Protein backbone atom coordinates (compact mmCIF):
# COMPACT_ATOMS: atom_id res chain seq x y z
CA UNK A 1 -66.92 7.60 6.33
CA UNK A 2 -67.76 5.53 9.38
CA UNK A 3 -64.16 4.51 10.14
CA UNK A 4 -62.77 8.05 10.16
CA UNK A 5 -65.73 9.25 12.23
CA UNK A 6 -65.06 6.51 14.77
CA UNK A 7 -61.39 7.50 15.03
CA UNK A 8 -62.27 11.18 15.41
CA UNK A 9 -64.95 10.40 18.02
CA UNK A 10 -62.30 8.50 19.96
CA UNK A 11 -59.92 11.41 19.84
CA UNK A 12 -62.56 13.88 20.99
CA UNK A 13 -61.84 12.78 24.52
CA UNK A 14 -58.51 14.56 24.01
CA UNK A 15 -58.67 18.26 23.10
CA UNK A 16 -57.35 19.16 19.67
CA UNK A 17 -54.48 21.10 21.24
CA UNK A 18 -53.40 17.93 23.04
CA UNK A 19 -53.82 15.91 19.82
CA UNK A 20 -51.30 18.17 18.10
CA UNK A 21 -49.12 18.63 21.19
CA UNK A 22 -49.47 21.43 23.70
CA UNK A 23 -47.62 24.55 22.64
CA UNK A 24 -47.25 27.28 25.21
CA UNK A 25 -49.07 30.35 23.96
CA UNK A 26 -47.57 33.79 24.71
CA UNK A 27 -49.69 36.64 25.94
CA UNK A 28 -50.96 39.18 23.44
CA UNK A 29 -48.97 41.94 25.18
CA UNK A 30 -45.71 40.07 24.63
CA UNK A 31 -46.45 39.54 20.95
CA UNK A 32 -47.02 43.24 20.31
CA UNK A 33 -43.38 44.10 21.07
CA UNK A 34 -41.76 41.93 18.39
CA UNK A 35 -38.78 43.91 17.08
CA UNK A 36 -35.42 42.87 15.69
CA UNK A 37 -32.05 44.14 16.87
CA UNK A 38 -31.60 45.77 13.49
CA UNK A 39 -34.33 48.26 14.44
CA UNK A 40 -31.72 49.99 16.63
CA UNK A 41 -29.84 50.94 13.46
CA UNK A 42 -32.94 51.79 11.42
CA UNK A 43 -34.34 54.66 13.44
CA UNK A 44 -36.56 52.48 15.58
CA UNK A 45 -38.38 51.03 12.58
CA UNK A 46 -40.04 47.71 13.34
CA UNK A 47 -38.63 45.04 11.04
CA UNK A 48 -40.60 42.05 12.32
CA UNK A 49 -44.37 42.02 12.11
CA UNK A 50 -46.48 41.68 15.24
CA UNK A 51 -48.13 38.30 15.05
CA UNK A 52 -51.05 37.36 17.32
CA UNK A 53 -51.12 33.98 19.03
CA UNK A 54 -52.36 31.04 16.97
CA UNK A 55 -53.39 27.49 17.77
CA UNK A 56 -51.50 24.56 16.22
CA UNK A 57 -54.50 23.52 14.15
CA UNK A 58 -54.90 27.01 12.66
CA UNK A 59 -51.20 27.09 11.71
CA UNK A 60 -51.53 23.72 9.96
CA UNK A 61 -54.62 24.95 8.11
CA UNK A 62 -52.73 28.05 6.99
CA UNK A 63 -49.88 25.86 5.74
CA UNK A 64 -52.38 23.78 3.76
CA UNK A 65 -53.88 26.93 2.21
CA UNK A 66 -50.46 28.23 1.14
CA UNK A 67 -49.52 24.79 -0.18
CA UNK A 68 -52.64 24.73 -2.36
CA UNK A 69 -51.67 28.01 -4.05
CA UNK A 70 -48.11 26.77 -4.53
CA UNK A 71 -49.36 23.51 -6.00
CA UNK A 72 -51.25 25.40 -8.70
CA UNK A 73 -48.02 27.06 -9.86
CA UNK A 74 -46.20 23.75 -9.69
CA UNK A 75 -48.72 22.02 -11.95
CA UNK A 76 -48.77 24.92 -14.41
CA UNK A 77 -45.01 24.93 -14.94
CA UNK A 78 -44.23 21.19 -14.59
CA UNK A 79 -42.64 21.72 -11.21
CA UNK A 80 -40.78 19.17 -9.06
CA UNK A 81 -43.43 18.94 -6.31
CA UNK A 82 -45.58 15.87 -6.02
CA UNK A 83 -48.60 16.07 -8.30
CA UNK A 84 -50.94 14.21 -5.96
CA UNK A 85 -52.83 15.64 -3.02
CA UNK A 86 -50.45 17.34 -0.56
CA UNK A 87 -52.71 16.77 2.47
CA UNK A 88 -50.78 15.28 5.36
CA UNK A 89 -51.83 12.28 7.40
CA UNK A 90 -54.76 12.40 9.83
CA UNK A 91 -52.37 12.17 12.81
CA UNK A 92 -48.67 12.86 13.36
CA UNK A 93 -46.57 9.72 12.99
CA UNK A 94 -43.24 8.12 13.85
CA UNK A 95 -41.49 6.27 11.01
CA UNK A 96 -39.33 3.24 11.86
CA UNK A 97 -36.65 1.89 9.54
CA UNK A 98 -33.95 -0.73 10.01
CA UNK A 99 -32.51 -4.10 9.14
CA UNK A 100 -34.59 -7.17 9.84
CA UNK A 101 -34.20 -8.37 13.42
CA UNK A 102 -32.98 -4.95 14.57
CA UNK A 103 -35.72 -4.62 17.19
CA UNK A 104 -38.28 -2.38 15.44
CA UNK A 105 -41.28 -4.54 16.30
CA UNK A 106 -40.11 -5.07 19.87
CA UNK A 107 -39.66 -1.32 20.28
CA UNK A 108 -43.21 -0.73 19.01
CA UNK A 109 -44.55 -3.22 21.54
CA UNK A 110 -42.59 -1.49 24.30
CA UNK A 111 -43.83 2.01 23.38
CA UNK A 112 -47.42 0.79 23.01
CA UNK A 113 -47.15 -1.27 26.22
CA UNK A 114 -48.96 -4.05 24.40
CA UNK A 115 -48.05 -6.72 21.88
CA UNK A 116 -49.01 -5.22 18.54
CA UNK A 117 -46.29 -6.55 16.23
CA UNK A 118 -44.79 -10.02 15.96
CA UNK A 119 -41.07 -10.00 16.79
CA UNK A 120 -38.47 -12.59 15.85
CA UNK A 121 -34.95 -13.20 14.60
CA UNK A 122 -36.08 -14.02 11.06
CA UNK A 123 -38.00 -11.43 8.99
CA UNK A 124 -41.58 -11.40 10.30
CA UNK A 125 -43.18 -8.74 8.10
CA UNK A 126 -42.93 -8.02 4.39
CA UNK A 127 -45.00 -4.83 4.26
CA UNK A 128 -45.71 -1.47 5.85
CA UNK A 129 -47.82 -1.52 9.01
CA UNK A 130 -49.56 1.62 10.26
CA UNK A 131 -50.53 1.46 13.93
CA UNK A 132 -53.27 3.86 15.02
CA UNK A 133 -54.86 4.29 18.48
CA UNK A 134 -58.61 3.79 18.45
CA UNK A 135 -61.67 2.75 20.44
CA UNK A 136 -61.47 -0.93 19.48
CA UNK A 137 -59.17 -3.37 17.70
CA UNK A 138 -59.58 -3.39 13.94
CA UNK A 139 -57.45 -4.35 10.94
CA UNK A 140 -57.84 -2.86 7.46
CA UNK A 141 -56.01 -3.85 4.29
CA UNK A 142 -54.23 -1.40 2.03
CA UNK A 143 -56.88 -0.79 -0.65
CA UNK A 144 -59.52 0.14 1.93
CA UNK A 145 -57.67 2.87 3.82
CA UNK A 146 -55.24 4.15 1.17
CA UNK A 147 -58.27 5.08 -0.90
CA UNK A 148 -59.75 6.95 2.08
CA UNK A 149 -59.21 10.68 1.35
CA UNK A 150 -59.40 11.64 5.04
CA UNK A 151 -56.54 9.38 6.15
CA UNK A 152 -53.90 11.22 4.11
CA UNK A 153 -52.29 8.16 2.44
CA UNK A 154 -53.86 8.58 -1.02
CA UNK A 155 -50.48 9.55 -2.51
CA UNK A 156 -49.28 5.95 -2.08
CA UNK A 157 -51.53 4.84 -4.95
CA UNK A 158 -49.00 6.17 -7.44
CA UNK A 159 -46.51 3.45 -6.35
CA UNK A 160 -48.67 0.67 -7.73
CA UNK A 161 -50.82 -2.22 -6.50
CA UNK A 162 -47.93 -4.24 -5.05
CA UNK A 163 -47.30 -1.58 -2.40
CA UNK A 164 -51.00 -1.16 -1.68
CA UNK A 165 -51.42 -4.89 -1.08
CA UNK A 166 -48.35 -4.90 1.17
CA UNK A 167 -49.68 -2.14 3.44
CA UNK A 168 -51.84 -2.75 6.50
CA UNK A 169 -53.62 -0.57 9.05
CA UNK A 170 -53.89 -1.76 12.64
CA UNK A 171 -56.23 0.12 14.97
CA UNK A 172 -55.53 -0.85 18.58
CA UNK A 173 -57.21 0.08 21.82
CA UNK A 174 -55.63 0.15 25.26
CA UNK A 175 -52.20 1.18 23.99
CA UNK A 176 -49.94 3.82 25.52
CA UNK A 177 -49.93 6.10 22.45
CA UNK A 178 -53.06 8.23 22.12
CA UNK A 179 -52.37 11.08 19.73
CA UNK A 180 -49.99 9.81 17.04
CA UNK A 181 -49.33 6.84 14.77
CA UNK A 182 -46.36 4.50 14.37
CA UNK A 183 -45.38 3.11 10.97
CA UNK A 184 -43.35 -0.09 10.84
CA UNK A 185 -41.46 -1.06 7.68
CA UNK A 186 -40.12 -4.27 6.15
CA UNK A 187 -36.64 -5.17 7.34
CA UNK A 188 -34.01 -3.95 4.93
CA UNK A 189 -31.80 -6.51 3.21
CA UNK A 190 -28.87 -6.72 0.84
CA UNK A 191 -30.34 -6.65 -2.64
CA UNK A 192 -28.38 -5.68 -5.74
CA UNK A 193 -29.62 -2.36 -7.10
CA UNK A 194 -28.61 -1.21 -10.56
CA UNK A 195 -29.18 2.44 -11.37
CA UNK A 196 -29.71 3.92 -14.80
CA UNK A 197 -28.06 7.09 -16.13
CA UNK A 198 -30.61 9.28 -14.33
CA UNK A 199 -29.94 7.72 -10.93
CA UNK A 200 -33.24 5.86 -10.59
CA UNK A 201 -33.50 2.24 -9.53
CA UNK A 202 -33.56 0.32 -12.78
CA UNK A 203 -34.61 -2.94 -11.16
CA UNK A 204 -36.24 -1.56 -8.00
CA UNK A 205 -39.59 -3.06 -8.95
CA UNK A 206 -37.91 -6.46 -9.30
CA UNK A 207 -36.87 -6.49 -5.62
CA UNK A 208 -40.16 -5.99 -3.77
CA UNK A 209 -42.65 -5.23 -6.51
CA UNK A 210 -42.40 -1.48 -5.87
CA UNK A 211 -39.73 1.21 -5.52
CA UNK A 212 -38.82 0.77 -1.86
CA UNK A 213 -36.47 3.77 -1.72
CA UNK A 214 -39.04 6.17 -3.12
CA UNK A 215 -41.79 4.86 -0.85
CA UNK A 216 -39.53 5.35 2.18
CA UNK A 217 -38.82 8.87 0.97
CA UNK A 218 -42.56 9.56 0.71
CA UNK A 219 -43.10 8.47 4.31
CA UNK A 220 -39.95 10.17 5.62
CA UNK A 221 -40.85 13.57 4.17
CA UNK A 222 -44.20 13.47 6.01
CA UNK A 223 -42.98 11.85 9.24
CA UNK A 224 -42.55 13.87 12.41
CA UNK A 225 -39.88 11.57 13.89
CA UNK A 226 -37.72 9.01 12.03
CA UNK A 227 -35.95 6.18 13.85
CA UNK A 228 -33.29 4.16 12.01
CA UNK A 229 -32.41 0.93 13.83
CA UNK A 230 -29.18 -1.06 13.69
CA UNK A 231 -28.25 -4.13 15.71
CA UNK A 232 -24.90 -5.70 16.72
CA UNK A 233 -25.12 -8.44 14.08
CA UNK A 234 -25.52 -6.03 11.15
CA UNK A 235 -24.04 -2.68 12.18
CA UNK A 236 -24.67 -0.69 9.02
CA UNK A 237 -23.45 -3.26 6.52
CA UNK A 238 -26.76 -3.79 4.71
CA UNK A 239 -26.57 -2.19 1.28
CA UNK A 240 -30.22 -1.28 1.20
CA UNK A 241 -29.89 0.59 4.51
CA UNK A 242 -27.02 2.70 3.19
CA UNK A 243 -28.90 3.47 -0.02
CA UNK A 244 -31.92 4.59 2.03
CA UNK A 245 -29.67 6.97 3.97
CA UNK A 246 -28.21 8.31 0.73
CA UNK A 247 -31.38 8.66 -1.33
CA UNK A 248 -34.46 8.64 0.91
CA UNK A 249 -33.41 10.45 4.08
CA UNK A 250 -31.30 13.18 2.52
CA UNK A 251 -32.07 16.60 4.04
CA UNK A 252 -34.11 15.14 6.92
CA UNK A 253 -31.40 15.13 9.60
CA UNK A 254 -33.47 17.35 11.89
CA UNK A 255 -35.93 14.53 12.59
CA UNK A 256 -33.70 11.47 12.07
CA UNK A 257 -32.45 9.47 15.08
CA UNK A 258 -29.95 6.63 14.59
CA UNK A 259 -30.19 3.79 17.12
CA UNK A 260 -27.81 0.95 17.89
CA UNK A 261 -30.20 -1.47 19.57
CA UNK A 262 -29.65 -4.65 21.60
CA UNK A 263 -26.51 -3.24 23.24
CA UNK A 264 -27.08 -5.52 26.24
CA UNK A 265 -26.12 -8.54 24.13
CA UNK A 266 -22.41 -7.67 24.15
CA UNK A 267 -20.29 -9.87 26.40
CA UNK A 268 -17.17 -7.73 26.31
CA UNK A 269 -16.46 -4.06 25.86
CA UNK A 270 -14.23 -5.08 22.97
CA UNK A 271 -17.27 -6.49 21.11
CA UNK A 272 -19.19 -3.29 21.67
CA UNK A 273 -16.28 -1.16 20.42
CA UNK A 274 -15.96 -3.20 17.24
CA UNK A 275 -19.71 -3.03 16.48
CA UNK A 276 -19.93 0.68 17.26
CA UNK A 277 -16.83 1.42 15.22
CA UNK A 278 -18.14 -0.62 12.30
CA UNK A 279 -21.41 1.30 12.36
CA UNK A 280 -19.60 4.65 12.42
CA UNK A 281 -17.35 3.55 9.57
CA UNK A 282 -20.27 2.51 7.39
CA UNK A 283 -22.23 5.66 8.18
CA UNK A 284 -19.22 7.82 7.31
CA UNK A 285 -19.37 6.48 3.75
CA UNK A 286 -22.85 7.90 3.20
CA UNK A 287 -22.88 10.87 5.60
CA UNK A 288 -20.34 13.19 4.04
CA UNK A 289 -19.21 15.21 7.05
CA UNK A 290 -16.63 14.85 9.80
CA UNK A 291 -19.04 14.95 12.74
CA UNK A 292 -21.42 12.01 12.65
CA UNK A 293 -24.88 12.39 14.20
CA UNK A 294 -25.53 11.05 17.65
CA UNK A 295 -26.04 7.30 17.83
CA UNK A 296 -28.46 6.25 20.56
CA UNK A 297 -27.07 3.07 22.12
CA UNK A 298 -29.86 1.30 23.96
CA UNK A 299 -31.61 -1.96 24.77
CA UNK A 300 -35.14 -3.05 25.60
CA UNK A 301 -36.26 -4.84 28.76
CA UNK A 302 -35.98 -8.62 28.50
CA UNK A 303 -39.76 -8.98 28.51
CA UNK A 304 -40.00 -7.06 25.21
CA UNK A 305 -37.05 -8.69 23.42
CA UNK A 306 -37.53 -11.32 20.76
CA UNK A 307 -35.84 -14.69 21.45
CA UNK A 308 -32.37 -14.59 19.92
CA UNK A 309 -28.94 -16.08 20.16
CA UNK A 310 -27.43 -14.69 23.36
CA UNK A 311 -24.02 -13.10 22.94
CA UNK A 312 -23.31 -13.44 26.65
CA UNK A 313 -21.11 -16.14 28.10
CA UNK A 314 -21.99 -19.37 29.85
CA UNK A 315 -22.53 -17.58 33.14
CA UNK A 316 -25.30 -15.50 31.50
CA UNK A 317 -23.55 -12.22 32.16
CA UNK A 318 -23.63 -9.49 29.53
CA UNK A 319 -22.12 -6.05 29.13
CA UNK A 320 -25.53 -4.38 29.28
CA UNK A 321 -26.37 -5.76 32.68
CA UNK A 322 -24.41 -3.20 34.57
CA UNK A 323 -24.89 -0.21 32.26
CA UNK A 324 -27.71 1.97 33.49
CA UNK A 325 -27.11 4.50 30.73
CA UNK A 326 -28.58 2.07 28.16
CA UNK A 327 -31.91 2.36 29.94
CA UNK A 328 -31.57 6.14 30.16
CA UNK A 329 -30.88 6.34 26.42
CA UNK A 330 -33.87 4.10 25.72
CA UNK A 331 -36.14 6.47 27.61
CA UNK A 332 -34.67 9.41 25.66
CA UNK A 333 -35.67 7.70 22.42
CA UNK A 334 -39.14 6.98 23.80
CA UNK A 335 -39.48 10.64 24.73
CA UNK A 336 -38.58 11.65 21.16
CA UNK A 337 -41.33 9.34 19.96
CA UNK A 338 -43.86 10.83 22.39
CA UNK A 339 -42.92 14.33 21.21
CA UNK A 340 -44.05 13.54 17.65
CA UNK A 341 -47.37 15.43 17.95
CA UNK A 342 -45.59 18.56 19.18
CA UNK A 343 -43.28 18.46 16.18
CA UNK A 344 -46.09 18.28 13.63
CA UNK A 345 -46.47 22.09 13.37
CA UNK A 346 -42.74 22.75 12.93
CA UNK A 347 -42.43 19.91 10.43
CA UNK A 348 -45.36 21.25 8.40
CA UNK A 349 -43.75 24.69 8.19
CA UNK A 350 -40.36 23.17 7.32
CA UNK A 351 -41.91 21.02 4.60
CA UNK A 352 -43.72 24.03 3.17
CA UNK A 353 -40.51 26.10 3.20
CA UNK A 354 -38.62 23.37 1.39
CA UNK A 355 -41.35 23.04 -1.26
CA UNK A 356 -41.52 26.78 -1.94
CA UNK A 357 -37.73 27.12 -2.19
CA UNK A 358 -37.55 24.19 -4.59
CA UNK A 359 -40.37 25.53 -6.77
CA UNK A 360 -38.82 29.02 -6.79
CA UNK A 361 -35.57 27.58 -8.14
CA UNK A 362 -37.52 25.58 -10.72
CA UNK A 363 -39.38 28.68 -11.98
CA UNK A 364 -36.17 30.71 -12.09
CA UNK A 365 -34.24 28.14 -14.13
CA UNK A 366 -37.14 27.26 -16.44
CA UNK A 367 -37.91 30.92 -17.11
CA UNK A 368 -34.26 31.48 -18.03
CA UNK A 369 -34.41 28.60 -20.53
CA UNK A 370 -37.73 29.80 -21.96
CA UNK A 371 -36.32 33.31 -22.32
CA UNK A 372 -33.40 32.01 -24.38
CA UNK A 373 -35.74 29.94 -26.54
CA UNK A 374 -38.16 32.81 -27.14
CA UNK A 375 -35.33 35.20 -27.99
CA UNK A 376 -34.15 32.78 -30.69
CA UNK A 377 -37.77 32.32 -31.78
CA UNK A 378 -38.22 36.08 -32.17
CA UNK A 379 -34.99 36.37 -34.14
CA UNK A 380 -36.03 33.57 -36.49
CA UNK A 381 -39.50 34.98 -37.05
CA UNK A 382 -38.00 38.41 -37.70
CA UNK A 383 -35.75 36.90 -40.37
CA UNK A 384 -38.68 35.11 -42.03
CA UNK A 385 -40.80 38.26 -41.88
CA UNK A 386 -38.00 40.30 -43.41
CA UNK A 387 -37.59 37.77 -46.25
CA UNK A 388 -41.33 37.81 -46.98
CA UNK A 389 -41.38 41.63 -46.94
CA UNK A 390 -38.42 41.87 -49.31
CA UNK A 391 -40.04 39.34 -51.67
CA UNK A 392 -43.33 41.23 -51.75
CA UNK A 393 -41.51 44.56 -52.20
CA UNK A 394 -39.57 43.15 -55.16
CA UNK A 395 -42.75 41.84 -56.76
CA UNK A 396 -44.56 45.15 -56.30
CA UNK A 397 -41.53 47.02 -57.67
CA UNK A 398 -41.45 44.78 -60.75
CA UNK A 399 -45.13 45.42 -61.41
CA UNK A 400 -44.64 49.17 -60.95
CA UNK A 401 -41.76 49.24 -63.42
CA UNK A 402 -43.85 47.33 -65.94
CA UNK A 403 -41.55 44.35 -66.21
CA UNK A 404 -42.77 41.34 -68.22
CA UNK A 405 -45.23 39.06 -66.34
CA UNK A 406 -42.81 36.14 -66.65
CA UNK A 407 -40.17 38.08 -64.71
CA UNK A 408 -42.67 39.16 -62.07
CA UNK A 409 -43.81 35.54 -61.63
CA UNK A 410 -40.18 34.41 -61.39
CA UNK A 411 -39.45 37.00 -58.71
CA UNK A 412 -42.57 35.97 -56.77
CA UNK A 413 -41.66 32.28 -57.03
CA UNK A 414 -38.08 32.85 -55.95
CA UNK A 415 -39.24 34.99 -53.02
CA UNK A 416 -41.78 32.40 -51.91
CA UNK A 417 -39.25 29.60 -52.23
CA UNK A 418 -36.66 31.54 -50.27
CA UNK A 419 -39.14 32.49 -47.55
CA UNK A 420 -40.37 28.88 -47.30
CA UNK A 421 -36.86 27.55 -47.06
CA UNK A 422 -35.96 30.10 -44.42
CA UNK A 423 -39.11 29.22 -42.46
CA UNK A 424 -38.24 25.49 -42.60
CA UNK A 425 -34.69 26.18 -41.45
CA UNK A 426 -35.99 28.38 -38.65
CA UNK A 427 -38.37 25.63 -37.39
CA UNK A 428 -35.56 23.08 -37.51
CA UNK A 429 -33.27 25.47 -35.66
CA UNK A 430 -35.95 25.97 -32.98
CA UNK A 431 -36.27 22.24 -32.39
CA UNK A 432 -32.51 21.84 -32.18
CA UNK A 433 -32.28 24.77 -29.78
CA UNK A 434 -35.00 23.37 -27.50
CA UNK A 435 -33.23 20.00 -27.48
CA UNK A 436 -29.99 21.75 -26.63
CA UNK A 437 -31.57 23.82 -23.83
CA UNK A 438 -32.82 20.73 -21.98
CA UNK A 439 -29.43 19.05 -22.17
CA UNK A 440 -27.51 18.51 -18.97
CA UNK A 441 -24.74 20.95 -19.87
CA UNK A 442 -27.20 23.75 -20.76
CA UNK A 443 -29.09 23.33 -17.49
CA UNK A 444 -25.91 23.39 -15.44
CA UNK A 445 -24.74 26.48 -17.35
CA UNK A 446 -28.07 28.20 -16.62
CA UNK A 447 -27.79 27.32 -12.92
CA UNK A 448 -24.25 28.71 -12.72
CA UNK A 449 -25.25 31.88 -14.56
CA UNK A 450 -28.29 32.54 -12.37
CA UNK A 451 -26.71 31.70 -9.02
CA UNK A 452 -23.05 32.58 -9.63
CA UNK A 453 -22.73 34.72 -6.50
CA UNK A 454 -24.27 32.17 -4.14
CA UNK A 455 -22.21 29.40 -5.73
CA UNK A 456 -19.08 31.45 -5.11
CA UNK A 457 -20.15 31.82 -1.48
CA UNK A 458 -20.46 28.01 -1.29
CA UNK A 459 -24.14 28.07 -0.32
CA UNK A 460 -24.76 24.44 0.70
CA UNK A 461 -28.53 24.92 0.93
CA UNK A 462 -28.56 26.10 -2.67
CA UNK A 463 -26.47 23.09 -3.73
CA UNK A 464 -28.89 20.67 -2.06
CA UNK A 465 -31.84 22.31 -3.82
CA UNK A 466 -30.10 22.16 -7.18
CA UNK A 467 -29.29 18.46 -6.76
CA UNK A 468 -33.02 17.74 -6.52
CA UNK A 469 -34.09 20.24 -9.17
CA UNK A 470 -31.42 19.02 -11.60
CA UNK A 471 -32.67 15.45 -11.37
CA UNK A 472 -36.23 16.61 -11.97
CA UNK A 473 -35.31 18.74 -15.00
CA UNK A 474 -33.37 15.93 -16.64
CA UNK A 475 -36.27 13.49 -16.34
CA UNK A 476 -39.34 15.71 -16.18
CA UNK A 477 -38.83 18.44 -18.82
CA UNK A 478 -38.98 17.64 -22.54
CA UNK A 479 -38.19 19.90 -25.47
CA UNK A 480 -41.87 19.91 -26.51
CA UNK A 481 -42.89 21.07 -23.02
CA UNK A 482 -40.22 23.77 -23.07
CA UNK A 483 -41.64 25.09 -26.35
CA UNK A 484 -45.21 25.01 -24.97
CA UNK A 485 -44.63 26.68 -21.59
CA UNK A 486 -45.26 30.43 -21.39
CA UNK A 487 -42.93 32.85 -19.67
CA UNK A 488 -43.31 33.03 -15.90
CA UNK A 489 -45.00 36.26 -14.91
CA UNK A 490 -43.19 38.49 -12.39
CA UNK A 491 -46.26 38.36 -10.14
CA UNK A 492 -45.97 34.58 -9.91
CA UNK A 493 -42.36 34.75 -8.80
CA UNK A 494 -43.19 37.53 -6.35
CA UNK A 495 -45.93 35.35 -4.90
CA UNK A 496 -43.36 32.73 -3.93
CA UNK A 497 -40.97 35.39 -2.63
CA UNK A 498 -43.71 36.85 -0.44
CA UNK A 499 -44.41 33.39 0.99
CA UNK A 500 -40.71 32.91 1.78
CA UNK A 501 -40.07 36.41 3.14
CA UNK A 502 -43.33 37.21 4.96
CA UNK A 503 -45.83 34.38 5.33
CA UNK A 504 -43.47 31.59 6.41
CA UNK A 505 -41.60 33.79 8.94
CA UNK A 506 -44.99 34.77 10.38
CA UNK A 507 -45.88 31.10 10.71
CA UNK A 508 -42.60 30.50 12.52
CA UNK A 509 -43.39 33.35 14.94
CA UNK A 510 -46.83 31.94 15.65
CA UNK A 511 -45.35 28.54 16.42
CA UNK A 512 -42.32 29.78 18.38
CA UNK A 513 -42.18 29.73 22.21
CA UNK A 514 -43.01 32.95 24.03
CA UNK A 515 -39.41 33.90 24.85
CA UNK A 516 -38.58 34.18 21.13
CA UNK A 517 -41.19 36.88 20.59
CA UNK A 518 -39.82 39.68 22.77
CA UNK A 519 -36.49 41.36 23.32
């Protein structure tokens, strides 16, 4: 449509390689010599394939093609992947999260070098704002651009009209960002969340009108950089923030950056130590490891800060005034934001890898359950068939021996009654078995049986996959669906294995810097 054409015409002034981030391309001669160290012990046999250079846009297109084939398998076998269109957004984007008054809007204005968002101490925004560079200023409401198939936000429609009406697109000219988007979010607050037995937010729709955690997860999975803001007044104590870390940002550490903003407001080093320690303490409750991720401690220039209560003393001095490293850290965060386009290719490959691994586990576990069900089904049908055969044989034998018709009829009736009763019992047993197979204990037993060796080796990647797959199986697989699904063909499993073992490594080689491609 006209809007997308206008955006794309604007970005034609920047080559596509710049739009996606310049990636240094190795020479063809260097790519030909791709061998692994293991070739030394395999008689000189080349283990790694030679992969010619590829542009970022061609790698992304290849990821989309593979994803389409994977999506077909997912839909066929009720897989855990999202059922809606898997197309990513039209541009790479940076996703900002944080408490209200943590400095998200001020940071956006600083990065854009123009006032785009309204900043203030009180909450100033109750929805998601998508900021896009363009030829002229333009605002669009949620229904108009979420329904646009070329923008890549169509998947948000599944979260309901309340989210759509609380989403806004801002196209701005004369801003510092040219080849990526920034997405601002509502400030997170303390709201009581009650979860049901399956772990979902029972009253999530009561808080904002939509499931905020799941929406944040949708954005975070597609984002190229995620910034999580905290401020000295609320250093990690907001319950909603901690639940987002636990449920929405799990497994996304590689693109998550935690920021303690407004560090120049501290009057004493003691105040800074207490706030920083409080943040680390609260993060340790949701990040289950000894070494916490880096926390970027920074501040914005006074011209970009929202008016707030100054924590400095009467003489106007503050701790941040003499700390140059706050400014250095701020510029490091800005550089991470500016690197978002360059990370789009790697993030696309990572997202594809995660999806294929998750679907492979789903097919493996579901096929194991179907196999058990069909084995019981075969045994039951064999018993019914045997009973019918014995009944018919007895009837034929009675006729051959010339027994009275009354006796023959009695034998036929008894045989039919017995076969019918056995058939009814077999159908009832099948339903009970299918109900048992989708129970939590049966699924966990199947997982332990299939992956016993990797579980014994304490494979953490496997455990993280199972945590997601287990939740999906409990909610998304019914006994009727289990009875209706056919066995997974070996070729379908091998298709996923080929993607994981050959196609995705080749994509990584195409996207890797030149020095990774030669020995």
